[in-house]
Amino acid sequence: ELPKAPFVAVIEGMEADVNGPIIAPDWESLRIYCHQVAGSVGNLCLAVWGWRGEQADLFAKSTGEALQLTNILRDIKDDAYEGRVYLPREVLENVRINSRQPLDILRHPNLADACAPLIDLADQRFKIARSLWKESSVKTARPAWVMLELYRALFDEVVRTGFGPDRPRARLSTARKLRNLIPAYISA
């Protein structure tokens, strides 16, 4: 009884990745991509866990976007070395990054400015998802809440660590994961 549309979206997201490197998509394409590779997976998981309907769809969309934007921000350096840049072209243009060469973008002094709109959007999506969860009474979807809270901690670490070629990849220690997972699981 799982909906078909999220399966199709996941396949489309995989196709986007294998059909060539993604380099500076427009905002709308990035948002669609986030839904395909993360939000649609959330839709499927929530359906399995028994949470369906408009509120579940909004939670999956917000959570998926927050998680995928966190991944994009965390992986800027790794992606650049793989020939990919997920930062939207409008953002790059707004901060006067004119090159579309991934390593040039990674080394540009305005990189942090280019990341700011993604940070703001991810933060908004985390807040929306948290609000939707608190309004929900579907506790069978607890893994989604735990994942959201763990990724929020990772997002905070990504923002704290910063961006650029000399920055280490943000990660959470096992102790920090536990400090976030246990309260999230209990509070769900």
C-alpha atoms as a PDB file:
ATOM      1  CA  GLU A   1       0.000   0.000   0.000  1.00  0.00           C
ATOM      2  CA  LEU A   2       2.973   2.348  -0.328  1.00  0.00           C
ATOM      3  CA  PRO A   3       2.495   5.308  -2.640  1.00  0.00           C
ATOM      4  CA  LYS A   4       4.190   5.036  -6.031  1.00  0.00           C
ATOM      5  CA  ALA A   5       5.238   8.704  -6.447  1.00  0.00           C
ATOM      6  CA  PRO A   6       8.046   8.642  -3.833  1.00  0.00           C
ATOM      7  CA  PHE A   7       9.622   5.589  -5.510  1.00  0.00           C
ATOM      8  CA  VAL A   8       9.615   7.419  -8.842  1.00  0.00           C
ATOM      9  CA  ALA A   9      11.112  10.514  -7.195  1.00  0.00           C
ATOM     10  CA  VAL A  10      13.946   8.477  -5.652  1.00  0.00           C
ATOM     11  CA  ILE A  11      14.781   7.023  -9.072  1.00  0.00           C
ATOM     12  CA  GLU A  12      14.714  10.490 -10.647  1.00  0.00           C
ATOM     13  CA  GLY A  13      17.098  11.758  -7.956  1.00  0.00           C
ATOM     14  CA  MET A  14      19.495   8.884  -8.650  1.00  0.00           C
ATOM     15  CA  GLU A  15      19.290   9.613 -12.366  1.00  0.00           C
ATOM     16  CA  ALA A  16      20.209  13.247 -11.706  1.00  0.00           C
ATOM     17  CA  ASP A  17      23.362  12.089  -9.929  1.00  0.00           C
ATOM     18  CA  VAL A  18      24.426   9.524 -12.524  1.00  0.00           C
ATOM     19  CA  ASN A  19      23.618  11.601 -15.624  1.00  0.00           C
ATOM     20  CA  GLY A  20      26.584  13.857 -15.028  1.00  0.00           C
ATOM     21  CA  PRO A  21      27.857  16.011 -12.240  1.00  0.00           C
ATOM     22  CA  ILE A  22      25.454  18.545 -10.829  1.00  0.00           C
ATOM     23  CA  ILE A  23      27.069  21.971 -11.006  1.00  0.00           C
ATOM     24  CA  ALA A  24      25.300  25.072  -9.684  1.00  0.00           C
ATOM     25  CA  PRO A  25      21.670  24.116 -10.282  1.00  0.00           C
ATOM     26  CA  ASP A  26      19.015  26.808 -10.023  1.00  0.00           C
ATOM     27  CA  TRP A  27      17.184  27.058  -6.688  1.00  0.00           C
ATOM     28  CA  GLU A  28      14.086  25.246  -7.914  1.00  0.00           C
ATOM     29  CA  SER A  29      16.106  22.346  -9.325  1.00  0.00           C
ATOM     30  CA  LEU A  30      17.995  22.048  -6.048  1.00  0.00           C
ATOM     31  CA  ARG A  31      14.755  21.952  -4.050  1.00  0.00           C
ATOM     32  CA  ILE A  32      13.347  19.279  -6.379  1.00  0.00           C
ATOM     33  CA  TYR A  33      16.584  17.301  -6.012  1.00  0.00           C
ATOM     34  CA  CYS A  34      16.369  17.536  -2.203  1.00  0.00           C
ATOM     35  CA  HIS A  35      12.852  16.164  -2.345  1.00  0.00           C
ATOM     36  CA  GLN A  36      13.869  13.365  -4.703  1.00  0.00           C
ATOM     37  CA  VAL A  37      16.845  12.099  -2.735  1.00  0.00           C
ATOM     38  CA  ALA A  38      15.638  12.780   0.807  1.00  0.00           C
ATOM     39  CA  GLY A  39      12.029  13.932   1.125  1.00  0.00           C
ATOM     40  CA  SER A  40      10.640  11.063  -0.939  1.00  0.00           C
ATOM     41  CA  VAL A  41      12.551   8.569   1.206  1.00  0.00           C
ATOM     42  CA  GLY A  42      10.965  10.250   4.222  1.00  0.00           C
ATOM     43  CA  ASN A  43       7.508   9.896   2.650  1.00  0.00           C
ATOM     44  CA  LEU A  44       8.071   6.173   2.206  1.00  0.00           C
ATOM     45  CA  CYS A  45       9.426   5.681   5.714  1.00  0.00           C
ATOM     46  CA  LEU A  46       6.546   7.598   7.273  1.00  0.00           C
ATOM     47  CA  ALA A  47       4.046   5.534   5.286  1.00  0.00           C
ATOM     48  CA  VAL A  48       5.659   2.332   6.567  1.00  0.00           C
ATOM     49  CA  TRP A  49       5.522   3.695  10.115  1.00  0.00           C
ATOM     50  CA  GLY A  50       1.843   4.575   9.752  1.00  0.00           C
ATOM     51  CA  TRP A  51       1.979   8.349   9.389  1.00  0.00           C
ATOM     52  CA  ARG A  52       0.239   9.487   6.218  1.00  0.00           C
ATOM     53  CA  GLY A  53      -1.570  12.536   5.014  1.00  0.00           C
ATOM     54  CA  GLU A  54      -0.829  16.218   4.532  1.00  0.00           C
ATOM     55  CA  GLN A  55       0.990  16.725   7.835  1.00  0.00           C
ATOM     56  CA  ALA A  56       3.204  13.689   7.177  1.00  0.00           C
ATOM     57  CA  ASP A  57       3.967  14.962   3.660  1.00  0.00           C
ATOM     58  CA  LEU A  58       4.955  18.380   5.015  1.00  0.00           C
ATOM     59  CA  PHE A  59       7.103  16.778   7.702  1.00  0.00           C
ATOM     60  CA  ALA A  60       8.845  14.563   5.118  1.00  0.00           C
ATOM     61  CA  LYS A  61       9.418  17.487   2.765  1.00  0.00           C
ATOM     62  CA  SER A  62      10.773  19.793   5.486  1.00  0.00           C
ATOM     63  CA  THR A  63      12.890  17.085   7.070  1.00  0.00           C
ATOM     64  CA  GLY A  64      14.217  15.879   3.727  1.00  0.00           C
ATOM     65  CA  GLU A  65      15.201  19.369   2.682  1.00  0.00           C
ATOM     66  CA  ALA A  66      16.863  20.094   6.034  1.00  0.00           C
ATOM     67  CA  LEU A  67      18.816  16.830   5.962  1.00  0.00           C
ATOM     68  CA  GLN A  68      19.894  17.123   2.333  1.00  0.00           C
ATOM     69  CA  LEU A  69      20.954  20.755   2.729  1.00  0.00           C
ATOM     70  CA  THR A  70      22.988  19.665   5.751  1.00  0.00           C
ATOM     71  CA  ASN A  71      24.659  17.006   3.593  1.00  0.00           C
ATOM     72  CA  ILE A  72      25.332  19.527   0.829  1.00  0.00           C
ATOM     73  CA  LEU A  73      26.891  22.011   3.237  1.00  0.00           C
ATOM     74  CA  ARG A  74      28.937  19.328   5.002  1.00  0.00           C
ATOM     75  CA  ASP A  75      30.183  17.836   1.735  1.00  0.00           C
ATOM     76  CA  ILE A  76      31.101  21.002  -0.200  1.00  0.00           C
ATOM     77  CA  LYS A  77      34.799  20.136  -0.167  1.00  0.00           C
ATOM     78  CA  ASP A  78      34.350  16.454  -1.043  1.00  0.00           C
ATOM     79  CA  ASP A  79      31.843  17.302  -3.780  1.00  0.00           C
ATOM     80  CA  ALA A  80      34.160  19.912  -5.301  1.00  0.00           C
ATOM     81  CA  TYR A  81      36.924  17.331  -5.579  1.00  0.00           C
ATOM     82  CA  GLU A  82      34.406  15.025  -7.274  1.00  0.00           C
ATOM     83  CA  GLY A  83      33.472  17.764  -9.765  1.00  0.00           C
ATOM     84  CA  ARG A  84      30.103  18.667  -8.205  1.00  0.00           C
ATOM     85  CA  VAL A  85      28.684  21.859  -6.709  1.00  0.00           C
ATOM     86  CA  TYR A  86      25.167  21.873  -5.307  1.00  0.00           C
ATOM     87  CA  LEU A  87      25.169  25.570  -4.372  1.00  0.00           C
ATOM     88  CA  PRO A  88      22.495  27.315  -6.463  1.00  0.00           C
ATOM     89  CA  ARG A  89      23.746  29.443  -9.321  1.00  0.00           C
ATOM     90  CA  GLU A  90      21.613  32.405  -8.178  1.00  0.00           C
ATOM     91  CA  VAL A  91      23.413  32.335  -4.834  1.00  0.00           C
ATOM     92  CA  LEU A  92      26.821  32.137  -6.488  1.00  0.00           C
ATOM     93  CA  GLU A  93      25.948  35.077  -8.736  1.00  0.00           C
ATOM     94  CA  ASN A  94      24.654  37.114  -5.787  1.00  0.00           C
ATOM     95  CA  VAL A  95      27.995  36.771  -3.970  1.00  0.00           C
ATOM     96  CA  ARG A  96      30.023  37.387  -7.140  1.00  0.00           C
ATOM     97  CA  ILE A  97      31.329  33.869  -7.640  1.00  0.00           C
ATOM     98  CA  ASN A  98      31.371  33.723 -11.424  1.00  0.00           C
ATOM     99  CA  SER A  99      33.297  30.507 -11.999  1.00  0.00           C
ATOM    100  CA  ARG A 100      31.455  27.214 -12.365  1.00  0.00           C
ATOM    101  CA  GLN A 101      34.599  25.201 -11.762  1.00  0.00           C
ATOM    102  CA  PRO A 102      34.002  23.307  -8.501  1.00  0.00           C
ATOM    103  CA  LEU A 103      37.525  23.789  -7.109  1.00  0.00           C
ATOM    104  CA  ASP A 104      37.461  27.521  -7.959  1.00  0.00           C
ATOM    105  CA  ILE A 105      34.189  27.832  -6.057  1.00  0.00           C
ATOM    106  CA  LEU A 106      35.620  25.884  -3.108  1.00  0.00           C
ATOM    107  CA  ARG A 107      38.603  28.252  -2.919  1.00  0.00           C
ATOM    108  CA  HIS A 108      36.659  31.476  -3.485  1.00  0.00           C
ATOM    109  CA  PRO A 109      36.787  33.949  -0.574  1.00  0.00           C
ATOM    110  CA  ASN A 110      32.985  34.426  -0.818  1.00  0.00           C
ATOM    111  CA  LEU A 111      32.192  30.734  -0.298  1.00  0.00           C
ATOM    112  CA  ALA A 112      30.826  31.273   3.212  1.00  0.00           C
ATOM    113  CA  ASP A 113      28.521  33.992   1.855  1.00  0.00           C
ATOM    114  CA  ALA A 114      27.280  31.529  -0.775  1.00  0.00           C
ATOM    115  CA  CYS A 115      26.499  29.017   1.977  1.00  0.00           C
ATOM    116  CA  ALA A 116      24.490  31.485   4.080  1.00  0.00           C
ATOM    117  CA  PRO A 117      21.179  31.157   2.182  1.00  0.00           C
ATOM    118  CA  LEU A 118      21.373  27.350   2.396  1.00  0.00           C
ATOM    119  CA  ILE A 119      22.063  27.623   6.121  1.00  0.00           C
ATOM    120  CA  ASP A 120      19.026  29.877   6.531  1.00  0.00           C
ATOM    121  CA  LEU A 121      16.785  27.564   4.508  1.00  0.00           C
ATOM    122  CA  ALA A 122      17.949  24.440   6.353  1.00  0.00           C
ATOM    123  CA  ASP A 123      17.371  26.169   9.688  1.00  0.00           C
ATOM    124  CA  GLN A 124      13.832  27.121   8.624  1.00  0.00           C
ATOM    125  CA  ARG A 125      13.115  23.558   7.508  1.00  0.00           C
ATOM    126  CA  PHE A 126      14.388  22.104  10.790  1.00  0.00           C
ATOM    127  CA  LYS A 127      12.059  24.451  12.674  1.00  0.00           C
ATOM    128  CA  ILE A 128       9.063  23.557  10.510  1.00  0.00           C
ATOM    129  CA  ALA A 129       9.736  19.822  10.870  1.00  0.00           C
ATOM    130  CA  ARG A 130      10.104  20.122  14.648  1.00  0.00           C
ATOM    131  CA  SER A 131       6.833  22.022  14.870  1.00  0.00           C
ATOM    132  CA  LEU A 132       5.015  19.450  12.746  1.00  0.00           C
ATOM    133  CA  TRP A 133       6.385  16.618  14.860  1.00  0.00           C
ATOM    134  CA  LYS A 134       5.230  18.241  18.077  1.00  0.00           C
ATOM    135  CA  GLU A 135       1.725  18.616  16.609  1.00  0.00           C
ATOM    136  CA  SER A 136       1.707  14.940  15.620  1.00  0.00           C
ATOM    137  CA  SER A 137       0.583  12.058  17.755  1.00  0.00           C
ATOM    138  CA  VAL A 138       2.166   9.354  15.561  1.00  0.00           C
ATOM    139  CA  LYS A 139       4.830   7.919  17.823  1.00  0.00           C
ATOM    140  CA  THR A 140       5.421   4.934  15.531  1.00  0.00           C
ATOM    141  CA  ALA A 141       7.444   7.374  13.371  1.00  0.00           C
ATOM    142  CA  ARG A 142       9.902   7.961  16.225  1.00  0.00           C
ATOM    143  CA  PRO A 143      12.926   7.072  14.032  1.00  0.00           C
ATOM    144  CA  ALA A 144      12.143  10.125  11.873  1.00  0.00           C
ATOM    145  CA  TRP A 145      12.226  12.383  14.932  1.00  0.00           C
ATOM    146  CA  VAL A 146      15.478  10.841  16.145  1.00  0.00           C
ATOM    147  CA  MET A 147      17.047  11.310  12.687  1.00  0.00           C
ATOM    148  CA  LEU A 148      15.859  14.918  12.588  1.00  0.00           C
ATOM    149  CA  GLU A 149      17.404  15.687  15.967  1.00  0.00           C
ATOM    150  CA  LEU A 150      20.675  13.938  15.122  1.00  0.00           C
ATOM    151  CA  TYR A 151      20.936  15.859  11.864  1.00  0.00           C
ATOM    152  CA  ARG A 152      20.157  19.114  13.668  1.00  0.00           C
ATOM    153  CA  ALA A 153      23.231  18.507  15.827  1.00  0.00           C
ATOM    154  CA  LEU A 154      25.267  17.718  12.704  1.00  0.00           C
ATOM    155  CA  PHE A 155      23.949  20.871  11.016  1.00  0.00           C
ATOM    156  CA  ASP A 156      25.069  22.947  14.001  1.00  0.00           C
ATOM    157  CA  GLU A 157      28.522  21.353  13.767  1.00  0.00           C
ATOM    158  CA  VAL A 158      28.716  22.036  10.010  1.00  0.00           C
ATOM    159  CA  VAL A 159      27.906  25.702  10.592  1.00  0.00           C
ATOM    160  CA  ARG A 160      30.412  25.889  13.460  1.00  0.00           C
ATOM    161  CA  THR A 161      33.169  24.231  11.407  1.00  0.00           C
ATOM    162  CA  GLY A 162      32.707  26.515   8.410  1.00  0.00           C
ATOM    163  CA  PHE A 163      33.526  26.062   4.749  1.00  0.00           C
ATOM    164  CA  GLY A 164      36.501  26.044   2.450  1.00  0.00           C
ATOM    165  CA  PRO A 165      39.379  23.887   1.324  1.00  0.00           C
ATOM    166  CA  ASP A 166      41.175  23.971   4.679  1.00  0.00           C
ATOM    167  CA  ARG A 167      38.183  23.090   6.844  1.00  0.00           C
ATOM    168  CA  PRO A 168      37.809  19.582   8.217  1.00  0.00           C
ATOM    169  CA  ARG A 169      34.677  17.627   7.365  1.00  0.00           C
ATOM    170  CA  ALA A 170      32.164  18.197  10.143  1.00  0.00           C
ATOM    171  CA  ARG A 171      31.250  15.119  12.112  1.00  0.00           C
ATOM    172  CA  LEU A 172      29.754  14.167  15.428  1.00  0.00           C
ATOM    173  CA  SER A 173      31.697  12.090  17.917  1.00  0.00           C
ATOM    174  CA  THR A 174      30.045   8.943  19.246  1.00  0.00           C
ATOM    175  CA  ALA A 175      29.568  10.646  22.603  1.00  0.00           C
ATOM    176  CA  ARG A 176      27.881  13.645  20.969  1.00  0.00           C
ATOM    177  CA  LYS A 177      25.636  11.361  18.918  1.00  0.00           C
ATOM    178  CA  LEU A 178      24.540   9.610  22.089  1.00  0.00           C
ATOM    179  CA  ARG A 179      23.965  12.935  23.858  1.00  0.00           C
ATOM    180  CA  ASN A 180      21.562  13.830  21.046  1.00  0.00           C
ATOM    181  CA  LEU A 181      20.026  10.439  20.280  1.00  0.00           C
ATOM    182  CA  ILE A 182      18.997   9.400  23.758  1.00  0.00           C
ATOM    183  CA  PRO A 183      17.021  12.569  24.624  1.00  0.00           C
ATOM    184  CA  ALA A 184      15.473  12.582  21.139  1.00  0.00           C
ATOM    185  CA  TYR A 185      14.329   8.997  21.509  1.00  0.00           C
ATOM    186  CA  ILE A 186      12.954   9.569  24.994  1.00  0.00           C
ATOM    187  CA  SER A 187      11.167  12.809  24.058  1.00  0.00           C
ATOM    188  CA  ALA A 188       9.553  11.372  20.917  1.00  0.00           C
END
